[in-house]
Amino acid sequence: MITINGNAIHLTAPCTVETLLVEQGYSLQRIAVERNGDILSKNRYADTIVQDGDTYEIVSFVGGG
């Protein structure tokens, strides 16, 4: 089990952060991800394995005028 923005999520199989984000419907270009209290750089999404107990805070950037 992991936590995303305060919500518990049960994973059915191991995955990368990139896969998790896509499955959760996030646009990878317009977000920032904090993993266990540390900012995760975009170039690490594809090779960072989601671990049981991880906590993620995901912020989406919205443009406007």
PDB file of N, CA and C in Angstrom:
ATOM      1  N   MET A   1       0.848  -1.176   0.000  1.00  0.00           N
ATOM      2  CA  MET A   1       0.000   0.000   0.000  1.00  0.00           C
ATOM      3  C   MET A   1       0.892   1.237   0.000  1.00  0.00           C
ATOM      4  N   ILE A   2       0.477   2.242  -0.768  1.00  0.00           N
ATOM      5  CA  ILE A   2       1.156   3.534  -0.799  1.00  0.00           C
ATOM      6  C   ILE A   2       0.121   4.626  -0.545  1.00  0.00           C
ATOM      7  N   THR A   3       0.596   5.840  -0.370  1.00  0.00           N
ATOM      8  CA  THR A   3      -0.298   6.978  -0.182  1.00  0.00           C
ATOM      9  C   THR A   3       0.004   8.023  -1.239  1.00  0.00           C
ATOM     10  N   ILE A   4      -1.045   8.490  -1.911  1.00  0.00           N
ATOM     11  CA  ILE A   4      -0.922   9.568  -2.889  1.00  0.00           C
ATOM     12  C   ILE A   4      -1.839  10.695  -2.452  1.00  0.00           C
ATOM     13  N   ASN A   5      -1.227  11.846  -2.155  1.00  0.00           N
ATOM     14  CA  ASN A   5      -1.988  13.030  -1.725  1.00  0.00           C
ATOM     15  C   ASN A   5      -2.974  12.685  -0.606  1.00  0.00           C
ATOM     16  N   GLY A   6      -2.531  11.868   0.343  1.00  0.00           N
ATOM     17  CA  GLY A   6      -3.343  11.528   1.501  1.00  0.00           C
ATOM     18  C   GLY A   6      -4.295  10.365   1.308  1.00  0.00           C
ATOM     19  N   ASN A   7      -4.371   9.798   0.105  1.00  0.00           N
ATOM     20  CA  ASN A   7      -5.274   8.684  -0.181  1.00  0.00           C
ATOM     21  C   ASN A   7      -4.498   7.375  -0.287  1.00  0.00           C
ATOM     22  N   ALA A   8      -4.954   6.347   0.410  1.00  0.00           N
ATOM     23  CA  ALA A   8      -4.308   5.038   0.358  1.00  0.00           C
ATOM     24  C   ALA A   8      -4.625   4.363  -0.971  1.00  0.00           C
ATOM     25  N   ILE A   9      -3.586   3.810  -1.591  1.00  0.00           N
ATOM     26  CA  ILE A   9      -3.713   3.109  -2.868  1.00  0.00           C
ATOM     27  C   ILE A   9      -3.088   1.726  -2.702  1.00  0.00           C
ATOM     28  N   HIS A  10      -3.819   0.698  -3.102  1.00  0.00           N
ATOM     29  CA  HIS A  10      -3.292  -0.664  -3.071  1.00  0.00           C
ATOM     30  C   HIS A  10      -2.761  -1.005  -4.460  1.00  0.00           C
ATOM     31  N   LEU A  11      -1.496  -1.365  -4.533  1.00  0.00           N
ATOM     32  CA  LEU A  11      -0.897  -1.748  -5.811  1.00  0.00           C
ATOM     33  C   LEU A  11      -1.086  -3.238  -6.037  1.00  0.00           C
ATOM     34  N   THR A  12      -1.372  -3.614  -7.275  1.00  0.00           N
ATOM     35  CA  THR A  12      -1.552  -5.031  -7.596  1.00  0.00           C
ATOM     36  C   THR A  12      -0.261  -5.662  -8.102  1.00  0.00           C
ATOM     37  N   ALA A  13       0.687  -4.834  -8.547  1.00  0.00           N
ATOM     38  CA  ALA A  13       1.959  -5.339  -9.051  1.00  0.00           C
ATOM     39  C   ALA A  13       3.021  -4.249  -8.894  1.00  0.00           C
ATOM     40  N   PRO A  14       4.281  -4.633  -8.818  1.00  0.00           N
ATOM     41  CA  PRO A  14       5.348  -3.626  -8.758  1.00  0.00           C
ATOM     42  C   PRO A  14       5.326  -2.753 -10.009  1.00  0.00           C
ATOM     43  N   CYS A  15       5.691  -1.483  -9.841  1.00  0.00           N
ATOM     44  CA  CYS A  15       5.730  -0.578 -10.995  1.00  0.00           C
ATOM     45  C   CYS A  15       6.706   0.555 -10.715  1.00  0.00           C
ATOM     46  N   THR A  16       6.982   1.325 -11.757  1.00  0.00           N
ATOM     47  CA  THR A  16       7.809   2.516 -11.613  1.00  0.00           C
ATOM     48  C   THR A  16       6.916   3.705 -11.280  1.00  0.00           C
ATOM     49  N   VAL A  17       7.522   4.779 -10.851  1.00  0.00           N
ATOM     50  CA  VAL A  17       6.774   6.003 -10.580  1.00  0.00           C
ATOM     51  C   VAL A  17       6.101   6.489 -11.859  1.00  0.00           C
ATOM     52  N   GLU A  18       6.798   6.414 -12.985  1.00  0.00           N
ATOM     53  CA  GLU A  18       6.211   6.839 -14.257  1.00  0.00           C
ATOM     54  C   GLU A  18       4.939   6.048 -14.570  1.00  0.00           C
ATOM     55  N   THR A  19       4.983   4.734 -14.431  1.00  0.00           N
ATOM     56  CA  THR A  19       3.813   3.898 -14.685  1.00  0.00           C
ATOM     57  C   THR A  19       2.681   4.252 -13.736  1.00  0.00           C
ATOM     58  N   LEU A  20       2.996   4.433 -12.471  1.00  0.00           N
ATOM     59  CA  LEU A  20       1.997   4.801 -11.476  1.00  0.00           C
ATOM     60  C   LEU A  20       1.307   6.110 -11.856  1.00  0.00           C
ATOM     61  N   LEU A  21       2.094   7.110 -12.232  1.00  0.00           N
ATOM     62  CA  LEU A  21       1.540   8.416 -12.584  1.00  0.00           C
ATOM     63  C   LEU A  21       0.612   8.324 -13.789  1.00  0.00           C
ATOM     64  N   VAL A  22       1.040   7.596 -14.802  1.00  0.00           N
ATOM     65  CA  VAL A  22       0.214   7.444 -16.008  1.00  0.00           C
ATOM     66  C   VAL A  22      -1.074   6.706 -15.661  1.00  0.00           C
ATOM     67  N   GLU A  23      -0.966   5.635 -14.872  1.00  0.00           N
ATOM     68  CA  GLU A  23      -2.165   4.877 -14.492  1.00  0.00           C
ATOM     69  C   GLU A  23      -3.127   5.710 -13.658  1.00  0.00           C
ATOM     70  N   GLN A  24      -2.606   6.676 -12.906  1.00  0.00           N
ATOM     71  CA  GLN A  24      -3.445   7.541 -12.087  1.00  0.00           C
ATOM     72  C   GLN A  24      -3.975   8.741 -12.862  1.00  0.00           C
ATOM     73  N   GLY A  25      -3.594   8.861 -14.150  1.00  0.00           N
ATOM     74  CA  GLY A  25      -4.146   9.904 -15.011  1.00  0.00           C
ATOM     75  C   GLY A  25      -3.411  11.234 -15.007  1.00  0.00           C
ATOM     76  N   TYR A  26      -2.182  11.253 -14.521  1.00  0.00           N
ATOM     77  CA  TYR A  26      -1.422  12.503 -14.481  1.00  0.00           C
ATOM     78  C   TYR A  26      -0.697  12.746 -15.804  1.00  0.00           C
ATOM     79  N   SER A  27      -0.619  14.011 -16.214  1.00  0.00           N
ATOM     80  CA  SER A  27       0.195  14.425 -17.355  1.00  0.00           C
ATOM     81  C   SER A  27       1.610  14.666 -16.836  1.00  0.00           C
ATOM     82  N   LEU A  28       2.566  13.888 -17.298  1.00  0.00           N
ATOM     83  CA  LEU A  28       3.921  13.941 -16.751  1.00  0.00           C
ATOM     84  C   LEU A  28       4.610  15.284 -16.944  1.00  0.00           C
ATOM     85  N   GLN A  29       4.193  16.058 -17.928  1.00  0.00           N
ATOM     86  CA  GLN A  29       4.835  17.339 -18.203  1.00  0.00           C
ATOM     87  C   GLN A  29       4.403  18.441 -17.242  1.00  0.00           C
ATOM     88  N   ARG A  30       3.275  18.286 -16.567  1.00  0.00           N
ATOM     89  CA  ARG A  30       2.720  19.394 -15.791  1.00  0.00           C
ATOM     90  C   ARG A  30       2.559  19.060 -14.312  1.00  0.00           C
ATOM     91  N   ILE A  31       3.495  18.251 -13.781  1.00  0.00           N
ATOM     92  CA  ILE A  31       3.403  17.892 -12.367  1.00  0.00           C
ATOM     93  C   ILE A  31       4.760  17.978 -11.689  1.00  0.00           C
ATOM     94  N   ALA A  32       4.716  18.031 -10.376  1.00  0.00           N
ATOM     95  CA  ALA A  32       5.895  17.871  -9.534  1.00  0.00           C
ATOM     96  C   ALA A  32       5.559  16.756  -8.544  1.00  0.00           C
ATOM     97  N   VAL A  33       6.540  15.907  -8.261  1.00  0.00           N
ATOM     98  CA  VAL A  33       6.317  14.756  -7.396  1.00  0.00           C
ATOM     99  C   VAL A  33       7.270  14.797  -6.208  1.00  0.00           C
ATOM    100  N   GLU A  34       6.694  14.652  -5.026  1.00  0.00           N
ATOM    101  CA  GLU A  34       7.469  14.501  -3.806  1.00  0.00           C
ATOM    102  C   GLU A  34       7.284  13.064  -3.346  1.00  0.00           C
ATOM    103  N   ARG A  35       8.393  12.358  -3.139  1.00  0.00           N
ATOM    104  CA  ARG A  35       8.359  10.967  -2.698  1.00  0.00           C
ATOM    105  C   ARG A  35       9.012  10.877  -1.329  1.00  0.00           C
ATOM    106  N   ASN A  36       8.253  10.470  -0.343  1.00  0.00           N
ATOM    107  CA  ASN A  36       8.761  10.317   1.024  1.00  0.00           C
ATOM    108  C   ASN A  36       9.487  11.569   1.514  1.00  0.00           C
ATOM    109  N   GLY A  37       8.927  12.734   1.163  1.00  0.00           N
ATOM    110  CA  GLY A  37       9.458  14.000   1.655  1.00  0.00           C
ATOM    111  C   GLY A  37      10.521  14.640   0.793  1.00  0.00           C
ATOM    112  N   ASP A  38      10.941  13.975  -0.299  1.00  0.00           N
ATOM    113  CA  ASP A  38      11.970  14.521  -1.186  1.00  0.00           C
ATOM    114  C   ASP A  38      11.403  14.703  -2.588  1.00  0.00           C
ATOM    115  N   ILE A  39      11.775  15.823  -3.228  1.00  0.00           N
ATOM    116  CA  ILE A  39      11.352  16.052  -4.616  1.00  0.00           C
ATOM    117  C   ILE A  39      12.034  15.013  -5.500  1.00  0.00           C
ATOM    118  N   LEU A  40      11.246  14.386  -6.358  1.00  0.00           N
ATOM    119  CA  LEU A  40      11.762  13.396  -7.297  1.00  0.00           C
ATOM    120  C   LEU A  40      11.890  14.060  -8.660  1.00  0.00           C
ATOM    121  N   SER A  41      13.099  14.094  -9.208  1.00  0.00           N
ATOM    122  CA  SER A  41      13.287  14.747 -10.499  1.00  0.00           C
ATOM    123  C   SER A  41      12.653  13.923 -11.613  1.00  0.00           C
ATOM    124  N   LYS A  42      12.164  14.614 -12.629  1.00  0.00           N
ATOM    125  CA  LYS A  42      11.439  13.971 -13.734  1.00  0.00           C
ATOM    126  C   LYS A  42      12.269  12.883 -14.405  1.00  0.00           C
ATOM    127  N   ASN A  43      13.573  13.074 -14.491  1.00  0.00           N
ATOM    128  CA  ASN A  43      14.400  12.073 -15.159  1.00  0.00           C
ATOM    129  C   ASN A  43      14.553  10.788 -14.335  1.00  0.00           C
ATOM    130  N   ARG A  44      13.986  10.751 -13.139  1.00  0.00           N
ATOM    131  CA  ARG A  44      14.035   9.548 -12.293  1.00  0.00           C
ATOM    132  C   ARG A  44      12.702   8.791 -12.262  1.00  0.00           C
ATOM    133  N   TYR A  45      11.643   9.342 -12.852  1.00  0.00           N
ATOM    134  CA  TYR A  45      10.328   8.690 -12.817  1.00  0.00           C
ATOM    135  C   TYR A  45      10.382   7.276 -13.390  1.00  0.00           C
ATOM    136  N   ALA A  46      11.077   7.092 -14.525  1.00  0.00           N
ATOM    137  CA  ALA A  46      11.071   5.808 -15.236  1.00  0.00           C
ATOM    138  C   ALA A  46      11.908   4.733 -14.554  1.00  0.00           C
ATOM    139  N   ASP A  47      12.854   5.116 -13.692  1.00  0.00           N
ATOM    140  CA  ASP A  47      13.694   4.092 -13.069  1.00  0.00           C
ATOM    141  C   ASP A  47      13.552   4.005 -11.549  1.00  0.00           C
ATOM    142  N   THR A  48      12.590   4.732 -10.991  1.00  0.00           N
ATOM    143  CA  THR A  48      12.328   4.647  -9.556  1.00  0.00           C
ATOM    144  C   THR A  48      11.171   3.677  -9.322  1.00  0.00           C
ATOM    145  N   ILE A  49      11.454   2.620  -8.579  1.00  0.00           N
ATOM    146  CA  ILE A  49      10.447   1.603  -8.287  1.00  0.00           C
ATOM    147  C   ILE A  49       9.614   2.049  -7.087  1.00  0.00           C
ATOM    148  N   VAL A  50       8.306   1.960  -7.224  1.00  0.00           N
ATOM    149  CA  VAL A  50       7.391   2.281  -6.131  1.00  0.00           C
ATOM    150  C   VAL A  50       7.523   1.183  -5.072  1.00  0.00           C
ATOM    151  N   GLN A  51       7.733   1.600  -3.833  1.00  0.00           N
ATOM    152  CA  GLN A  51       7.924   0.675  -2.721  1.00  0.00           C
ATOM    153  C   GLN A  51       6.718   0.707  -1.788  1.00  0.00           C
ATOM    154  N   ASP A  52       6.402  -0.448  -1.215  1.00  0.00           N
ATOM    155  CA  ASP A  52       5.331  -0.516  -0.232  1.00  0.00           C
ATOM    156  C   ASP A  52       5.624   0.479   0.888  1.00  0.00           C
ATOM    157  N   GLY A  53       4.641   1.285   1.243  1.00  0.00           N
ATOM    158  CA  GLY A  53       4.796   2.275   2.306  1.00  0.00           C
ATOM    159  C   GLY A  53       5.205   3.655   1.822  1.00  0.00           C
ATOM    160  N   ASP A  54       5.518   3.798   0.532  1.00  0.00           N
ATOM    161  CA  ASP A  54       5.874   5.118  -0.002  1.00  0.00           C
ATOM    162  C   ASP A  54       4.720   6.099   0.174  1.00  0.00           C
ATOM    163  N   THR A  55       5.084   7.363   0.342  1.00  0.00           N
ATOM    164  CA  THR A  55       4.112   8.447   0.401  1.00  0.00           C
ATOM    165  C   THR A  55       4.454   9.453  -0.679  1.00  0.00           C
ATOM    166  N   TYR A  56       3.468   9.781  -1.512  1.00  0.00           N
ATOM    167  CA  TYR A  56       3.660  10.714  -2.626  1.00  0.00           C
ATOM    168  C   TYR A  56       2.746  11.910  -2.468  1.00  0.00           C
ATOM    169  N   GLU A  57       3.287  13.072  -2.757  1.00  0.00           N
ATOM    170  CA  GLU A  57       2.497  14.290  -2.912  1.00  0.00           C
ATOM    171  C   GLU A  57       2.711  14.724  -4.344  1.00  0.00           C
ATOM    172  N   ILE A  58       1.634  14.866  -5.091  1.00  0.00           N
ATOM    173  CA  ILE A  58       1.724  15.215  -6.497  1.00  0.00           C
ATOM    174  C   ILE A  58       0.970  16.518  -6.709  1.00  0.00           C
ATOM    175  N   VAL A  59       1.670  17.481  -7.303  1.00  0.00           N
ATOM    176  CA  VAL A  59       1.098  18.790  -7.565  1.00  0.00           C
ATOM    177  C   VAL A  59       1.003  18.979  -9.071  1.00  0.00           C
ATOM    178  N   SER A  60      -0.165  19.334  -9.565  1.00  0.00           N
ATOM    179  CA  SER A  60      -0.372  19.606 -10.987  1.00  0.00           C
ATOM    180  C   SER A  60      -0.319  21.113 -11.216  1.00  0.00           C
ATOM    181  N   PHE A  61       0.387  21.513 -12.272  1.00  0.00           N
ATOM    182  CA  PHE A  61       0.460  22.919 -12.631  1.00  0.00           C
ATOM    183  C   PHE A  61      -0.618  23.232 -13.648  1.00  0.00           C
ATOM    184  N   VAL A  62      -1.337  24.318 -13.426  1.00  0.00           N
ATOM    185  CA  VAL A  62      -2.429  24.707 -14.304  1.00  0.00           C
ATOM    186  C   VAL A  62      -2.117  26.106 -14.840  1.00  0.00           C
ATOM    187  N   GLY A  63      -2.186  26.218 -16.154  1.00  0.00           N
ATOM    188  CA  GLY A  63      -1.946  27.521 -16.786  1.00  0.00           C
ATOM    189  C   GLY A  63      -3.262  28.295 -16.878  1.00  0.00           C
ATOM    190  N   GLY A  64      -3.137  29.554 -17.077  1.00  0.00           N
ATOM    191  CA  GLY A  64      -4.334  30.376 -17.209  1.00  0.00           C
ATOM    192  C   GLY A  64      -3.953  31.831 -17.357  1.00  0.00           C
ATOM    193  N   GLY A  65      -4.941  32.639 -17.494  1.00  0.00           N
ATOM    194  CA  GLY A  65      -4.589  34.027 -17.689  1.00  0.00           C
ATOM    195  C   GLY A  65      -5.640  34.957 -17.290  1.00  0.00           C
TER     196      GLY A  65
END
